[in-house]
Amino acid sequence: MYKPYSPEWNRKRYLKEAIDSYFNDYIEVDVIYADLMDILHERSEGAYADFQRTTDLEAKLHRD
């Protein structure tokens, strides 16, 4: 169990609230899955874009 109002406690609370919202609205499991995959994909794409910018900058710094 996490200490109340700690970052871990808040993170778990937010996740629980999101899951409860899906279940309370009787959202199909396939929709929950698709939403999770979309979120993960968006996160991955953003991380890749950051990586690409960093790689491009490193390459330019090594050339100059």
PDB file of N, CA and C in Angstrom:
ATOM      1  N   MET A   1       0.838  -1.187   0.000  1.00  0.00           N
ATOM      2  CA  MET A   1       0.000   0.000   0.000  1.00  0.00           C
ATOM      3  C   MET A   1       0.884   1.252   0.000  1.00  0.00           C
ATOM      4  N   TYR A   2       0.459   2.228  -0.751  1.00  0.00           N
ATOM      5  CA  TYR A   2       1.229   3.458  -0.842  1.00  0.00           C
ATOM      6  C   TYR A   2       0.783   4.465   0.212  1.00  0.00           C
ATOM      7  N   LYS A   3       1.721   5.319   0.594  1.00  0.00           N
ATOM      8  CA  LYS A   3       1.414   6.386   1.547  1.00  0.00           C
ATOM      9  C   LYS A   3       0.425   7.350   0.880  1.00  0.00           C
ATOM     10  N   PRO A   4      -0.660   7.726   1.583  1.00  0.00           N
ATOM     11  CA  PRO A   4      -1.651   8.639   0.980  1.00  0.00           C
ATOM     12  C   PRO A   4      -1.004   9.923   0.458  1.00  0.00           C
ATOM     13  N   TYR A   5      -1.455  10.306  -0.730  1.00  0.00           N
ATOM     14  CA  TYR A   5      -1.050  11.530  -1.422  1.00  0.00           C
ATOM     15  C   TYR A   5       0.399  11.509  -1.912  1.00  0.00           C
ATOM     16  N   SER A   6       1.038  10.356  -1.863  1.00  0.00           N
ATOM     17  CA  SER A   6       2.370  10.238  -2.450  1.00  0.00           C
ATOM     18  C   SER A   6       2.202  10.166  -3.968  1.00  0.00           C
ATOM     19  N   PRO A   7       3.272  10.387  -4.718  1.00  0.00           N
ATOM     20  CA  PRO A   7       3.158  10.277  -6.184  1.00  0.00           C
ATOM     21  C   PRO A   7       2.641   8.900  -6.618  1.00  0.00           C
ATOM     22  N   GLU A   8       3.081   7.854  -5.943  1.00  0.00           N
ATOM     23  CA  GLU A   8       2.637   6.498  -6.288  1.00  0.00           C
ATOM     24  C   GLU A   8       1.148   6.327  -6.003  1.00  0.00           C
ATOM     25  N   TRP A   9       0.710   6.849  -4.881  1.00  0.00           N
ATOM     26  CA  TRP A   9      -0.698   6.754  -4.496  1.00  0.00           C
ATOM     27  C   TRP A   9      -1.575   7.482  -5.513  1.00  0.00           C
ATOM     28  N   ASN A  10      -1.159   8.694  -5.897  1.00  0.00           N
ATOM     29  CA  ASN A  10      -1.922   9.465  -6.890  1.00  0.00           C
ATOM     30  C   ASN A  10      -1.960   8.764  -8.228  1.00  0.00           C
ATOM     31  N   ARG A  11      -0.830   8.217  -8.641  1.00  0.00           N
ATOM     32  CA  ARG A  11      -0.768   7.511  -9.927  1.00  0.00           C
ATOM     33  C   ARG A  11      -1.747   6.347  -9.933  1.00  0.00           C
ATOM     34  N   LYS A  12      -1.752   5.556  -8.870  1.00  0.00           N
ATOM     35  CA  LYS A  12      -2.667   4.415  -8.784  1.00  0.00           C
ATOM     36  C   LYS A  12      -4.119   4.881  -8.736  1.00  0.00           C
ATOM     37  N   ARG A  13      -4.384   5.969  -8.017  1.00  0.00           N
ATOM     38  CA  ARG A  13      -5.745   6.500  -7.923  1.00  0.00           C
ATOM     39  C   ARG A  13      -6.255   6.942  -9.300  1.00  0.00           C
ATOM     40  N   TYR A  14      -5.404   7.633 -10.062  1.00  0.00           N
ATOM     41  CA  TYR A  14      -5.811   8.079 -11.403  1.00  0.00           C
ATOM     42  C   TYR A  14      -6.102   6.890 -12.312  1.00  0.00           C
ATOM     43  N   LEU A  15      -5.271   5.873 -12.242  1.00  0.00           N
ATOM     44  CA  LEU A  15      -5.487   4.685 -13.064  1.00  0.00           C
ATOM     45  C   LEU A  15      -6.791   3.998 -12.668  1.00  0.00           C
ATOM     46  N   LYS A  16      -7.030   3.875 -11.363  1.00  0.00           N
ATOM     47  CA  LYS A  16      -8.259   3.250 -10.884  1.00  0.00           C
ATOM     48  C   LYS A  16      -9.482   4.036 -11.350  1.00  0.00           C
ATOM     49  N   GLU A  17      -9.413   5.358 -11.265  1.00  0.00           N
ATOM     50  CA  GLU A  17     -10.537   6.188 -11.707  1.00  0.00           C
ATOM     51  C   GLU A  17     -10.813   5.998 -13.195  1.00  0.00           C
ATOM     52  N   ALA A  18      -9.766   5.900 -13.993  1.00  0.00           N
ATOM     53  CA  ALA A  18      -9.939   5.701 -15.430  1.00  0.00           C
ATOM     54  C   ALA A  18     -10.573   4.341 -15.713  1.00  0.00           C
ATOM     55  N   ILE A  19     -10.065   3.308 -15.062  1.00  0.00           N
ATOM     56  CA  ILE A  19     -10.626   1.967 -15.261  1.00  0.00           C
ATOM     57  C   ILE A  19     -12.068   1.916 -14.779  1.00  0.00           C
ATOM     58  N   ASP A  20     -12.329   2.504 -13.612  1.00  0.00           N
ATOM     59  CA  ASP A  20     -13.702   2.537 -13.091  1.00  0.00           C
ATOM     60  C   ASP A  20     -14.637   3.236 -14.071  1.00  0.00           C
ATOM     61  N   SER A  21     -14.160   4.298 -14.691  1.00  0.00           N
ATOM     62  CA  SER A  21     -14.984   5.024 -15.656  1.00  0.00           C
ATOM     63  C   SER A  21     -15.381   4.128 -16.824  1.00  0.00           C
ATOM     64  N   TYR A  22     -14.431   3.369 -17.354  1.00  0.00           N
ATOM     65  CA  TYR A  22     -14.739   2.437 -18.437  1.00  0.00           C
ATOM     66  C   TYR A  22     -15.764   1.399 -17.978  1.00  0.00           C
ATOM     67  N   PHE A  23     -15.513   0.805 -16.819  1.00  0.00           N
ATOM     68  CA  PHE A  23     -16.411  -0.246 -16.339  1.00  0.00           C
ATOM     69  C   PHE A  23     -17.786   0.302 -15.984  1.00  0.00           C
ATOM     70  N   ASN A  24     -17.843   1.477 -15.355  1.00  0.00           N
ATOM     71  CA  ASN A  24     -19.131   2.072 -14.989  1.00  0.00           C
ATOM     72  C   ASN A  24     -19.970   2.424 -16.216  1.00  0.00           C
ATOM     73  N   ASP A  25     -19.304   2.733 -17.310  1.00  0.00           N
ATOM     74  CA  ASP A  25     -19.998   3.050 -18.564  1.00  0.00           C
ATOM     75  C   ASP A  25     -20.232   1.813 -19.425  1.00  0.00           C
ATOM     76  N   TYR A  26     -19.884   0.645 -18.893  1.00  0.00           N
ATOM     77  CA  TYR A  26     -20.075  -0.641 -19.588  1.00  0.00           C
ATOM     78  C   TYR A  26     -19.404  -0.660 -20.962  1.00  0.00           C
ATOM     79  N   ILE A  27     -18.199  -0.135 -21.013  1.00  0.00           N
ATOM     80  CA  ILE A  27     -17.439  -0.112 -22.259  1.00  0.00           C
ATOM     81  C   ILE A  27     -16.893  -1.515 -22.524  1.00  0.00           C
ATOM     82  N   GLU A  28     -16.989  -1.945 -23.765  1.00  0.00           N
ATOM     83  CA  GLU A  28     -16.516  -3.274 -24.146  1.00  0.00           C
ATOM     84  C   GLU A  28     -15.004  -3.394 -23.948  1.00  0.00           C
ATOM     85  N   VAL A  29     -14.576  -4.589 -23.601  1.00  0.00           N
ATOM     86  CA  VAL A  29     -13.160  -4.867 -23.364  1.00  0.00           C
ATOM     87  C   VAL A  29     -12.331  -4.520 -24.604  1.00  0.00           C
ATOM     88  N   ASP A  30     -12.849  -4.790 -25.782  1.00  0.00           N
ATOM     89  CA  ASP A  30     -12.113  -4.482 -27.014  1.00  0.00           C
ATOM     90  C   ASP A  30     -11.865  -2.984 -27.160  1.00  0.00           C
ATOM     91  N   VAL A  31     -12.805  -2.169 -26.702  1.00  0.00           N
ATOM     92  CA  VAL A  31     -12.649  -0.713 -26.774  1.00  0.00           C
ATOM     93  C   VAL A  31     -11.593  -0.263 -25.764  1.00  0.00           C
ATOM     94  N   ILE A  32     -11.639  -0.819 -24.559  1.00  0.00           N
ATOM     95  CA  ILE A  32     -10.631  -0.490 -23.550  1.00  0.00           C
ATOM     96  C   ILE A  32      -9.245  -0.840 -24.084  1.00  0.00           C
ATOM     97  N   TYR A  33      -9.132  -2.028 -24.648  1.00  0.00           N
ATOM     98  CA  TYR A  33      -7.861  -2.485 -25.223  1.00  0.00           C
ATOM     99  C   TYR A  33      -7.396  -1.528 -26.328  1.00  0.00           C
ATOM    100  N   ALA A  34      -8.306  -1.181 -27.228  1.00  0.00           N
ATOM    101  CA  ALA A  34      -7.947  -0.294 -28.343  1.00  0.00           C
ATOM    102  C   ALA A  34      -7.498   1.067 -27.826  1.00  0.00           C
ATOM    103  N   ASP A  35      -8.188   1.590 -26.829  1.00  0.00           N
ATOM    104  CA  ASP A  35      -7.797   2.883 -26.262  1.00  0.00           C
ATOM    105  C   ASP A  35      -6.409   2.804 -25.623  1.00  0.00           C
ATOM    106  N   LEU A  36      -6.159   1.741 -24.870  1.00  0.00           N
ATOM    107  CA  LEU A  36      -4.832   1.569 -24.272  1.00  0.00           C
ATOM    108  C   LEU A  36      -3.742   1.483 -25.336  1.00  0.00           C
ATOM    109  N   MET A  37      -4.010   0.716 -26.381  1.00  0.00           N
ATOM    110  CA  MET A  37      -3.027   0.580 -27.450  1.00  0.00           C
ATOM    111  C   MET A  37      -2.787   1.915 -28.153  1.00  0.00           C
ATOM    112  N   ASP A  38      -3.847   2.696 -28.365  1.00  0.00           N
ATOM    113  CA  ASP A  38      -3.695   4.023 -28.976  1.00  0.00           C
ATOM    114  C   ASP A  38      -2.816   4.923 -28.115  1.00  0.00           C
ATOM    115  N   ILE A  39      -3.068   4.917 -26.814  1.00  0.00           N
ATOM    116  CA  ILE A  39      -2.284   5.747 -25.896  1.00  0.00           C
ATOM    117  C   ILE A  39      -0.824   5.324 -25.920  1.00  0.00           C
ATOM    118  N   LEU A  40      -0.575   4.024 -25.859  1.00  0.00           N
ATOM    119  CA  LEU A  40       0.800   3.530 -25.896  1.00  0.00           C
ATOM    120  C   LEU A  40       1.481   3.861 -27.221  1.00  0.00           C
ATOM    121  N   HIS A  41       0.731   3.751 -28.313  1.00  0.00           N
ATOM    122  CA  HIS A  41       1.281   4.073 -29.631  1.00  0.00           C
ATOM    123  C   HIS A  41       1.652   5.556 -29.708  1.00  0.00           C
ATOM    124  N   GLU A  42       0.761   6.425 -29.231  1.00  0.00           N
ATOM    125  CA  GLU A  42       1.044   7.860 -29.235  1.00  0.00           C
ATOM    126  C   GLU A  42       2.288   8.164 -28.409  1.00  0.00           C
ATOM    127  N   ARG A  43       2.391   7.521 -27.267  1.00  0.00           N
ATOM    128  CA  ARG A  43       3.549   7.724 -26.396  1.00  0.00           C
ATOM    129  C   ARG A  43       4.818   7.257 -27.097  1.00  0.00           C
ATOM    130  N   SER A  44       4.737   6.113 -27.739  1.00  0.00           N
ATOM    131  CA  SER A  44       5.881   5.558 -28.448  1.00  0.00           C
ATOM    132  C   SER A  44       6.300   6.463 -29.603  1.00  0.00           C
ATOM    133  N   GLU A  45       5.334   6.954 -30.349  1.00  0.00           N
ATOM    134  CA  GLU A  45       5.640   7.847 -31.469  1.00  0.00           C
ATOM    135  C   GLU A  45       6.317   9.121 -30.986  1.00  0.00           C
ATOM    136  N   GLY A  46       5.820   9.670 -29.875  1.00  0.00           N
ATOM    137  CA  GLY A  46       6.430  10.873 -29.314  1.00  0.00           C
ATOM    138  C   GLY A  46       7.855  10.619 -28.861  1.00  0.00           C
ATOM    139  N   ALA A  47       8.070   9.487 -28.212  1.00  0.00           N
ATOM    140  CA  ALA A  47       9.409   9.136 -27.748  1.00  0.00           C
ATOM    141  C   ALA A  47      10.346   8.932 -28.938  1.00  0.00           C
ATOM    142  N   TYR A  48       9.843   8.308 -29.993  1.00  0.00           N
ATOM    143  CA  TYR A  48      10.669   8.093 -31.184  1.00  0.00           C
ATOM    144  C   TYR A  48      11.024   9.428 -31.841  1.00  0.00           C
ATOM    145  N   ALA A  49      10.067  10.353 -31.882  1.00  0.00           N
ATOM    146  CA  ALA A  49      10.342  11.666 -32.469  1.00  0.00           C
ATOM    147  C   ALA A  49      11.419  12.389 -31.661  1.00  0.00           C
ATOM    148  N   ASP A  50      11.339  12.300 -30.335  1.00  0.00           N
ATOM    149  CA  ASP A  50      12.376  12.901 -29.487  1.00  0.00           C
ATOM    150  C   ASP A  50      13.730  12.254 -29.755  1.00  0.00           C
ATOM    151  N   PHE A  51      13.745  10.932 -29.860  1.00  0.00           N
ATOM    152  CA  PHE A  51      14.978  10.203 -30.151  1.00  0.00           C
ATOM    153  C   PHE A  51      15.562  10.648 -31.493  1.00  0.00           C
ATOM    154  N   GLN A  52      14.700  10.776 -32.480  1.00  0.00           N
ATOM    155  CA  GLN A  52      15.149  11.164 -33.818  1.00  0.00           C
ATOM    156  C   GLN A  52      15.759  12.561 -33.809  1.00  0.00           C
ATOM    157  N   ARG A  53      15.133  13.509 -33.101  1.00  0.00           N
ATOM    158  CA  ARG A  53      15.682  14.867 -33.009  1.00  0.00           C
ATOM    159  C   ARG A  53      17.041  14.847 -32.321  1.00  0.00           C
ATOM    160  N   THR A  54      17.166  14.048 -31.254  1.00  0.00           N
ATOM    161  CA  THR A  54      18.435  13.940 -30.541  1.00  0.00           C
ATOM    162  C   THR A  54      19.512  13.343 -31.438  1.00  0.00           C
ATOM    163  N   THR A  55      19.163  12.304 -32.156  1.00  0.00           N
ATOM    164  CA  THR A  55      20.110  11.664 -33.068  1.00  0.00           C
ATOM    165  C   THR A  55      20.550  12.634 -34.156  1.00  0.00           C
ATOM    166  N   ASP A  56      19.599  13.390 -34.704  1.00  0.00           N
ATOM    167  CA  ASP A  56      19.938  14.375 -35.741  1.00  0.00           C
ATOM    168  C   ASP A  56      20.881  15.440 -35.201  1.00  0.00           C
ATOM    169  N   LEU A  57      20.629  15.907 -33.987  1.00  0.00           N
ATOM    170  CA  LEU A  57      21.490  16.912 -33.382  1.00  0.00           C
ATOM    171  C   LEU A  57      22.882  16.351 -33.120  1.00  0.00           C
ATOM    172  N   GLU A  58      22.959  15.138 -32.612  1.00  0.00           N
ATOM    173  CA  GLU A  58      24.274  14.511 -32.377  1.00  0.00           C
ATOM    174  C   GLU A  58      25.049  14.376 -33.671  1.00  0.00           C
ATOM    175  N   ALA A  59      24.377  13.980 -34.730  1.00  0.00           N
ATOM    176  CA  ALA A  59      25.052  13.839 -36.029  1.00  0.00           C
ATOM    177  C   ALA A  59      25.589  15.179 -36.497  1.00  0.00           C
ATOM    178  N   LYS A  60      24.797  16.223 -36.357  1.00  0.00           N
ATOM    179  CA  LYS A  60      25.246  17.552 -36.770  1.00  0.00           C
ATOM    180  C   LYS A  60      26.420  18.021 -35.923  1.00  0.00           C
ATOM    181  N   LEU A  61      26.382  17.748 -34.640  1.00  0.00           N
ATOM    182  CA  LEU A  61      27.486  18.161 -33.759  1.00  0.00           C
ATOM    183  C   LEU A  61      28.782  17.431 -34.103  1.00  0.00           C
ATOM    184  N   HIS A  62      28.673  16.196 -34.517  1.00  0.00           N
ATOM    185  CA  HIS A  62      29.860  15.440 -34.891  1.00  0.00           C
ATOM    186  C   HIS A  62      30.443  15.875 -36.233  1.00  0.00           C
ATOM    187  N   ARG A  63      29.586  16.412 -37.106  1.00  0.00           N
ATOM    188  CA  ARG A  63      30.053  16.885 -38.421  1.00  0.00           C
ATOM    189  C   ARG A  63      30.784  18.201 -38.301  1.00  0.00           C
ATOM    190  N   ASP A  64      30.331  19.046 -37.410  1.00  0.00           N
ATOM    191  CA  ASP A  64      30.882  20.422 -37.322  1.00  0.00           C
ATOM    192  C   ASP A  64      32.108  20.509 -36.457  1.00  0.00           C
TER     193      ASP A  64
END
